[in-house]
Amino acid sequence: MIGSSSIAVVTGASAGVGRAVVRQLGQRRMRVALLARGRVGLDAAADEVRRAGGEPLVIETDVADADQVSAAARAVVDRWGAIDLWINNAMVTVFGRARDVTPEEFRRVTEVTYLGQVHGTLAALAQMRVQESGTIVQVGSALAYRSIPLQSAYCGAKAAVRGFTDSLRCELEHEGSPVRLTMVHLPAVNTPQFDWARSRMGAEPQPVPPIFAPETVARQILRAAETCPREMWIGAPAAESILGTLAAPAIMDRMMASKAWSSQMGARMDEDARADNLFAPVDRDMGATGRFGARTRSHVTGWPAGTIRAGLAIAGIAGVFGSGWLLADAARRR
């Protein structure tokens, strides 16, 4: 269980979902290392952890730099002696058609959103193998399964995280490792990323509804950290889009081409006048919550993916047997 004696590391801790997660870890009176690039947001998040009863450790870190991430892990161990929980949450993105995104922008999104999770995982494992315990949580997205237009860089990076995690899980199983590994797939969340993500659309980015509050999503992330399913799908929209893609990908492609285009575009904007956090932090306190409060749902449920698949398999088998019984009964009546 995650409790007051636990030591956690959260990347992307200064804003959005990461900020909501560290608040809740603070409420559990945990020791929490906060990793991100922007000092202003980090200090504000640390103050919230402290006021909630936890003990924060601020470490300015660009997760795209493996040496910085390894150094952060060593700093946590030097301070507190262990790492019980590591949550890989940091991300950046670019909104726009693939043809409008530059190679440098694709590279940066990949380095932070994909390689940042690789670097964090390997840094956590280096300590967790020594202490023979620990939990790693990969914060993914329904977009790791169901890609949508205007987010090719982000969708590709999240899909890569899923591939890396599945491979590593097999290796840990082969080793008989006690280290636990889980991946959570999120729905649309009302976070500030839409205010500081780079846009090549000529419009303010916005999430495809329905949209959920970061606090309720954070609770499900911590639930996954405690129960550690192979995967947890958070929110019915995430589960529906993942299952739809697995069942009928071509149909989902056409749906996304139609419905997920204009729904991601808000008001017109001047791209050159808007500060973004792709290559450097927007060093102000953005908090956890974005600007979509009136459209935000305050409750969400997470389901272990295995439970959903098992339920569908049972329903399918029941359907086959039910159909067989009806056909046999009809034949007897004839």
Protein backbone atom coordinates (compact mmCIF):
# COMPACT_ATOMS: atom_id res chain seq x y z
CA MET A 1 0.00 0.00 0.00
CA ILE A 2 1.01 3.60 -0.59
CA GLY A 3 1.28 5.29 2.78
CA SER A 4 3.08 7.86 4.88
CA SER A 5 6.30 5.84 4.93
CA SER A 6 6.46 5.60 1.13
CA ILE A 7 8.84 7.52 -1.12
CA ALA A 8 7.54 8.61 -4.52
CA VAL A 9 8.98 10.28 -7.61
CA VAL A 10 6.67 12.05 -10.07
CA THR A 11 7.83 13.48 -13.38
CA GLY A 12 5.91 16.36 -14.91
CA ALA A 13 4.98 17.29 -11.33
CA SER A 14 4.64 21.04 -11.77
CA ALA A 15 1.28 21.16 -13.59
CA GLY A 16 -1.70 19.22 -14.85
CA VAL A 17 -2.19 15.58 -13.94
CA GLY A 18 1.25 15.42 -12.29
CA ARG A 19 0.36 18.37 -10.07
CA ALA A 20 -2.89 16.68 -9.02
CA VAL A 21 -1.01 13.46 -8.27
CA VAL A 22 1.59 15.10 -6.00
CA ARG A 23 -1.16 16.94 -4.12
CA GLN A 24 -2.78 13.61 -3.29
CA LEU A 25 0.55 12.04 -2.35
CA GLY A 26 1.10 14.97 -0.03
CA GLN A 27 -2.29 14.32 1.56
CA ARG A 28 -1.03 10.82 2.34
CA ARG A 29 1.91 12.45 4.14
CA MET A 30 4.42 10.87 1.80
CA ARG A 31 7.89 11.96 0.82
CA VAL A 32 7.59 13.13 -2.77
CA ALA A 33 10.30 14.08 -5.28
CA LEU A 34 8.93 16.52 -7.84
CA LEU A 35 10.64 16.49 -11.26
CA ALA A 36 9.97 19.05 -13.98
CA ARG A 37 11.75 21.90 -15.79
CA GLY A 38 9.97 25.02 -14.54
CA ARG A 39 11.11 26.19 -11.11
CA VAL A 40 8.11 28.42 -10.41
CA GLY A 41 5.60 25.61 -10.90
CA LEU A 42 7.79 23.16 -9.00
CA ASP A 43 8.07 25.44 -5.99
CA ALA A 44 4.30 26.02 -5.97
CA ALA A 45 3.65 22.28 -6.18
CA ALA A 46 6.17 21.62 -3.38
CA ASP A 47 4.38 24.15 -1.20
CA GLU A 48 1.09 22.31 -1.75
CA VAL A 49 2.70 18.99 -0.81
CA ARG A 50 4.16 20.55 2.33
CA ARG A 51 0.88 22.17 3.39
CA ALA A 52 -0.93 18.86 2.84
CA GLY A 53 1.42 17.13 5.28
CA GLY A 54 3.97 15.58 2.94
CA GLU A 55 7.68 16.22 2.49
CA PRO A 56 8.68 17.52 -0.96
CA LEU A 57 12.00 17.41 -2.77
CA VAL A 58 12.25 19.67 -5.83
CA ILE A 59 14.61 18.55 -8.59
CA GLU A 60 14.68 20.58 -11.80
CA THR A 61 14.91 17.90 -14.49
CA ASP A 62 14.47 17.64 -18.24
CA VAL A 63 13.39 14.01 -18.64
CA ALA A 64 14.69 14.03 -22.23
CA ASP A 65 18.19 14.00 -20.70
CA ALA A 66 18.96 10.53 -19.32
CA ASP A 67 21.84 11.82 -17.20
CA GLN A 68 19.59 14.37 -15.51
CA VAL A 69 16.99 11.70 -14.72
CA SER A 70 19.62 9.31 -13.32
CA ALA A 71 21.04 12.13 -11.21
CA ALA A 72 17.55 12.91 -9.88
CA ALA A 73 17.05 9.27 -8.87
CA ARG A 74 20.39 9.28 -7.04
CA ALA A 75 19.44 12.50 -5.26
CA VAL A 76 16.23 10.88 -4.01
CA VAL A 77 18.10 7.83 -2.73
CA ASP A 78 20.77 10.00 -1.12
CA ARG A 79 18.03 11.98 0.66
CA TRP A 80 15.62 9.24 1.66
CA GLY A 81 17.34 5.90 1.01
CA ALA A 82 14.85 4.29 -1.40
CA ILE A 83 12.29 4.77 -4.18
CA ASP A 84 9.00 2.97 -3.61
CA LEU A 85 6.93 4.52 -6.39
CA TRP A 86 7.96 6.16 -9.65
CA ILE A 87 5.27 7.77 -11.83
CA ASN A 88 6.32 8.67 -15.37
CA ASN A 89 3.98 11.48 -16.32
CA ALA A 90 5.99 14.20 -18.12
CA MET A 91 4.94 15.04 -21.67
CA VAL A 92 4.99 17.68 -24.37
CA THR A 93 3.10 17.79 -27.62
CA VAL A 94 2.50 19.65 -30.87
CA PHE A 95 -0.98 20.07 -32.33
CA GLY A 96 -1.16 20.20 -36.11
CA ARG A 97 -1.21 18.17 -39.31
CA ALA A 98 1.83 15.89 -39.62
CA ARG A 99 2.95 17.79 -42.71
CA ASP A 100 3.05 21.04 -40.71
CA VAL A 101 5.15 19.67 -37.82
CA THR A 102 8.91 20.01 -38.25
CA PRO A 103 11.39 17.15 -37.80
CA GLU A 104 12.82 18.98 -34.78
CA GLU A 105 9.36 19.16 -33.20
CA PHE A 106 8.72 15.47 -33.80
CA ARG A 107 12.09 14.69 -32.24
CA ARG A 108 11.44 16.80 -29.16
CA VAL A 109 8.00 15.29 -28.51
CA THR A 110 9.54 11.83 -28.85
CA GLU A 111 12.46 12.66 -26.55
CA VAL A 112 10.22 13.93 -23.76
CA THR A 113 7.02 11.91 -24.07
CA TYR A 114 8.55 8.56 -25.03
CA LEU A 115 12.23 8.59 -24.09
CA GLY A 116 11.44 10.52 -20.92
CA GLN A 117 9.45 7.49 -19.74
CA VAL A 118 12.24 5.14 -20.80
CA HIS A 119 14.79 7.21 -18.87
CA GLY A 120 12.57 7.38 -15.80
CA THR A 121 11.84 3.66 -15.87
CA LEU A 122 15.49 2.68 -16.17
CA ALA A 123 16.50 5.09 -13.40
CA ALA A 124 13.80 3.68 -11.13
CA LEU A 125 14.72 0.09 -11.94
CA ALA A 126 18.38 0.69 -11.10
CA GLN A 127 17.33 1.38 -7.48
CA MET A 128 14.34 -0.96 -7.27
CA ARG A 129 16.44 -3.96 -8.32
CA VAL A 130 18.82 -3.20 -5.46
CA GLN A 131 16.05 -2.87 -2.87
CA GLU A 132 14.04 -5.72 -4.48
CA SER A 133 10.78 -3.81 -4.42
CA GLY A 134 8.99 -0.90 -6.01
CA THR A 135 6.22 0.12 -8.39
CA ILE A 136 6.52 1.97 -11.70
CA VAL A 137 3.48 3.65 -13.25
CA GLN A 138 3.50 4.70 -16.89
CA VAL A 139 0.98 7.45 -17.58
CA GLY A 140 -0.32 6.67 -21.03
CA SER A 141 -3.35 7.69 -23.02
CA ALA A 142 -6.19 6.17 -24.96
CA LEU A 143 -4.28 7.70 -27.89
CA ALA A 144 -1.64 5.00 -27.41
CA TYR A 145 -4.22 2.69 -29.01
CA ARG A 146 -6.53 5.07 -30.90
CA SER A 147 -4.55 7.70 -32.77
CA ILE A 148 -6.38 10.83 -33.83
CA PRO A 149 -5.66 13.53 -36.40
CA LEU A 150 -3.64 16.63 -35.47
CA GLN A 151 -1.66 14.78 -32.78
CA SER A 152 0.62 12.44 -34.74
CA ALA A 153 3.74 13.22 -32.70
CA TYR A 154 2.02 12.63 -29.37
CA CYS A 155 0.09 9.54 -30.49
CA GLY A 156 3.29 8.01 -31.86
CA ALA A 157 5.17 8.69 -28.62
CA LYS A 158 2.44 7.23 -26.40
CA ALA A 159 2.19 4.13 -28.60
CA ALA A 160 5.95 3.74 -28.25
CA VAL A 161 5.64 3.88 -24.45
CA ARG A 162 3.12 1.04 -24.59
CA GLY A 163 5.43 -1.06 -26.76
CA PHE A 164 8.40 -0.43 -24.47
CA THR A 165 6.36 -1.22 -21.36
CA ASP A 166 5.02 -4.49 -22.77
CA SER A 167 8.53 -5.61 -23.67
CA LEU A 168 9.94 -4.66 -20.27
CA ARG A 169 7.09 -6.43 -18.50
CA CYS A 170 8.10 -9.67 -20.23
CA GLU A 171 11.70 -9.17 -19.14
CA LEU A 172 10.71 -8.58 -15.52
CA GLU A 173 8.54 -11.69 -15.65
CA HIS A 174 11.46 -13.69 -17.05
CA GLU A 175 13.71 -12.44 -14.24
CA GLY A 176 11.14 -13.20 -11.57
CA SER A 177 11.50 -9.56 -10.52
CA PRO A 178 9.45 -8.27 -7.57
CA VAL A 179 9.26 -4.83 -9.22
CA ARG A 180 5.69 -4.03 -10.26
CA LEU A 181 4.87 -2.30 -13.55
CA THR A 182 1.54 -0.87 -14.65
CA MET A 183 0.32 1.47 -17.38
CA VAL A 184 -2.71 3.73 -17.14
CA HIS A 185 -4.49 5.06 -20.21
CA LEU A 186 -6.17 8.42 -19.71
CA PRO A 187 -9.17 10.10 -21.34
CA ALA A 188 -9.27 13.82 -22.14
CA VAL A 189 -8.33 15.79 -19.03
CA ASN A 190 -8.83 19.47 -18.18
CA THR A 191 -5.18 20.47 -17.74
CA PRO A 192 -3.10 23.52 -18.70
CA GLN A 193 -1.32 21.60 -21.47
CA PHE A 194 -3.75 23.13 -23.94
CA ASP A 195 -2.56 26.59 -22.91
CA TRP A 196 1.16 25.93 -23.34
CA ALA A 197 1.38 23.18 -25.95
CA ARG A 198 2.71 24.23 -29.35
CA SER A 199 0.02 24.58 -32.00
CA ARG A 200 0.43 24.41 -35.76
CA MET A 201 -3.34 24.58 -36.34
CA GLY A 202 -3.74 28.35 -36.27
CA ALA A 203 -6.17 27.77 -33.39
CA GLU A 204 -6.08 27.26 -29.64
CA PRO A 205 -5.93 23.52 -28.88
CA GLN A 206 -8.68 21.92 -26.88
CA PRO A 207 -9.44 18.34 -25.78
CA VAL A 208 -11.96 16.13 -27.54
CA PRO A 209 -14.87 15.80 -25.07
CA PRO A 210 -15.92 14.36 -22.71
CA ILE A 211 -13.33 16.02 -20.46
CA PHE A 212 -12.46 14.95 -16.91
CA ALA A 213 -11.03 16.79 -13.91
CA PRO A 214 -7.35 16.11 -13.16
CA GLU A 215 -8.07 15.36 -9.50
CA THR A 216 -10.41 12.47 -10.28
CA VAL A 217 -7.95 11.08 -12.84
CA ALA A 218 -5.12 11.36 -10.29
CA ARG A 219 -7.11 9.24 -7.83
CA GLN A 220 -7.39 6.49 -10.43
CA ILE A 221 -3.65 6.68 -11.16
CA LEU A 222 -2.89 6.13 -7.48
CA ARG A 223 -5.42 3.31 -7.38
CA ALA A 224 -3.49 1.68 -10.23
CA ALA A 225 -0.25 2.19 -8.29
CA GLU A 226 -1.75 0.31 -5.35
CA THR A 227 -3.45 -2.55 -7.21
CA CYS A 228 -1.04 -2.71 -10.15
CA PRO A 229 -3.09 -4.25 -12.96
CA ARG A 230 -1.27 -4.87 -16.23
CA GLU A 231 -3.14 -1.88 -17.65
CA MET A 232 -5.90 0.36 -16.34
CA TRP A 233 -8.24 2.16 -18.72
CA ILE A 234 -9.53 5.34 -17.08
CA GLY A 235 -12.94 6.57 -18.16
CA ALA A 236 -15.57 5.02 -20.40
CA PRO A 237 -14.46 7.11 -23.42
CA ALA A 238 -10.92 5.69 -23.17
CA ALA A 239 -12.22 2.13 -22.90
CA GLU A 240 -14.65 2.64 -25.78
CA SER A 241 -12.03 4.12 -28.11
CA ILE A 242 -9.52 1.37 -27.31
CA LEU A 243 -12.04 -1.43 -27.77
CA GLY A 244 -13.42 0.20 -30.90
CA THR A 245 -9.95 0.35 -32.42
CA LEU A 246 -9.23 -3.28 -31.54
CA ALA A 247 -12.54 -4.39 -33.05
CA ALA A 248 -12.97 -2.10 -36.08
CA PRO A 249 -9.92 0.09 -36.75
CA ALA A 250 -10.95 1.24 -40.22
CA ILE A 251 -14.34 2.40 -38.98
CA MET A 252 -12.65 4.24 -36.11
CA ASP A 253 -10.26 5.88 -38.58
CA ARG A 254 -13.20 7.33 -40.49
CA MET A 255 -14.91 8.43 -37.28
CA MET A 256 -11.80 10.20 -36.04
CA ALA A 257 -11.22 11.84 -39.43
CA SER A 258 -14.69 13.34 -39.14
CA LYS A 259 -15.25 13.99 -35.43
CA ALA A 260 -11.78 14.62 -33.99
CA TRP A 261 -10.76 17.47 -36.29
CA SER A 262 -12.71 20.64 -35.54
CA SER A 263 -13.40 19.48 -31.98
CA GLN A 264 -9.70 20.03 -31.18
CA MET A 265 -9.71 23.61 -32.46
CA GLY A 266 -10.73 26.55 -30.30
CA ALA A 267 -10.41 30.25 -31.04
CA ARG A 268 -8.07 31.51 -33.75
CA MET A 269 -4.59 32.34 -32.48
CA ASP A 270 -1.29 33.87 -33.52
CA GLU A 271 1.17 30.98 -33.28
CA ASP A 272 4.20 33.27 -33.12
CA ALA A 273 2.80 35.32 -30.23
CA ARG A 274 1.99 32.32 -28.03
CA ALA A 275 4.59 30.98 -25.57
CA ASP A 276 4.84 27.19 -25.46
CA ASN A 277 6.78 24.66 -23.40
CA LEU A 278 8.13 22.41 -26.15
CA PHE A 279 11.82 23.29 -25.94
CA ALA A 280 11.89 25.44 -22.79
CA PRO A 281 9.57 25.71 -19.79
CA VAL A 282 6.91 28.37 -19.56
CA ASP A 283 8.11 29.25 -16.10
CA ARG A 284 4.95 30.26 -14.30
CA ASP A 285 2.61 28.41 -12.00
CA MET A 286 -0.04 26.81 -14.22
CA GLY A 287 -1.61 24.65 -11.51
CA ALA A 288 -3.42 21.39 -12.16
CA THR A 289 -6.59 22.60 -13.84
CA GLY A 290 -7.12 24.05 -17.30
CA ARG A 291 -9.71 26.43 -18.75
CA PHE A 292 -12.50 23.95 -19.53
CA GLY A 293 -14.18 23.92 -16.13
CA ALA A 294 -17.73 24.36 -17.41
CA ARG A 295 -17.30 21.28 -19.63
CA THR A 296 -15.48 19.12 -17.10
CA ARG A 297 -16.80 15.99 -15.41
CA SER A 298 -15.82 15.59 -11.77
CA HIS A 299 -15.97 11.80 -11.56
CA VAL A 300 -14.28 9.03 -13.52
CA THR A 301 -13.79 5.30 -13.00
CA GLY A 302 -10.84 3.14 -13.99
CA TRP A 303 -11.06 -0.50 -15.00
CA PRO A 304 -8.27 -3.08 -15.26
CA ALA A 305 -8.04 -3.90 -18.95
CA GLY A 306 -7.98 -7.62 -18.19
CA THR A 307 -11.33 -7.36 -16.41
CA ILE A 308 -12.91 -5.65 -19.41
CA ARG A 309 -11.50 -8.23 -21.82
CA ALA A 310 -12.63 -11.12 -19.60
CA GLY A 311 -16.11 -9.64 -19.35
CA LEU A 312 -16.36 -9.30 -23.10
CA ALA A 313 -15.10 -12.86 -23.60
CA ILE A 314 -17.69 -14.22 -21.17
CA ALA A 315 -20.41 -12.20 -22.87
CA GLY A 316 -19.29 -13.51 -26.24
CA ILE A 317 -19.26 -17.12 -25.07
CA ALA A 318 -22.66 -16.66 -23.45
CA GLY A 319 -23.93 -15.19 -26.69
CA VAL A 320 -22.67 -18.16 -28.71
CA PHE A 321 -24.21 -20.69 -26.34
CA GLY A 322 -27.42 -18.67 -26.14
CA SER A 323 -27.69 -18.54 -29.92
CA GLY A 324 -26.99 -22.27 -30.11
CA TRP A 325 -29.68 -23.02 -27.57
CA LEU A 326 -32.22 -20.90 -29.46
CA LEU A 327 -31.37 -22.57 -32.76
CA ALA A 328 -31.61 -26.02 -31.20
CA ASP A 329 -34.92 -25.15 -29.56
CA ALA A 330 -36.25 -23.86 -32.85
CA ALA A 331 -35.18 -27.09 -34.56
CA ARG A 332 -36.94 -29.19 -31.91
CA ARG A 333 -40.15 -27.20 -32.38
CA ARG A 334 -40.04 -27.87 -36.11
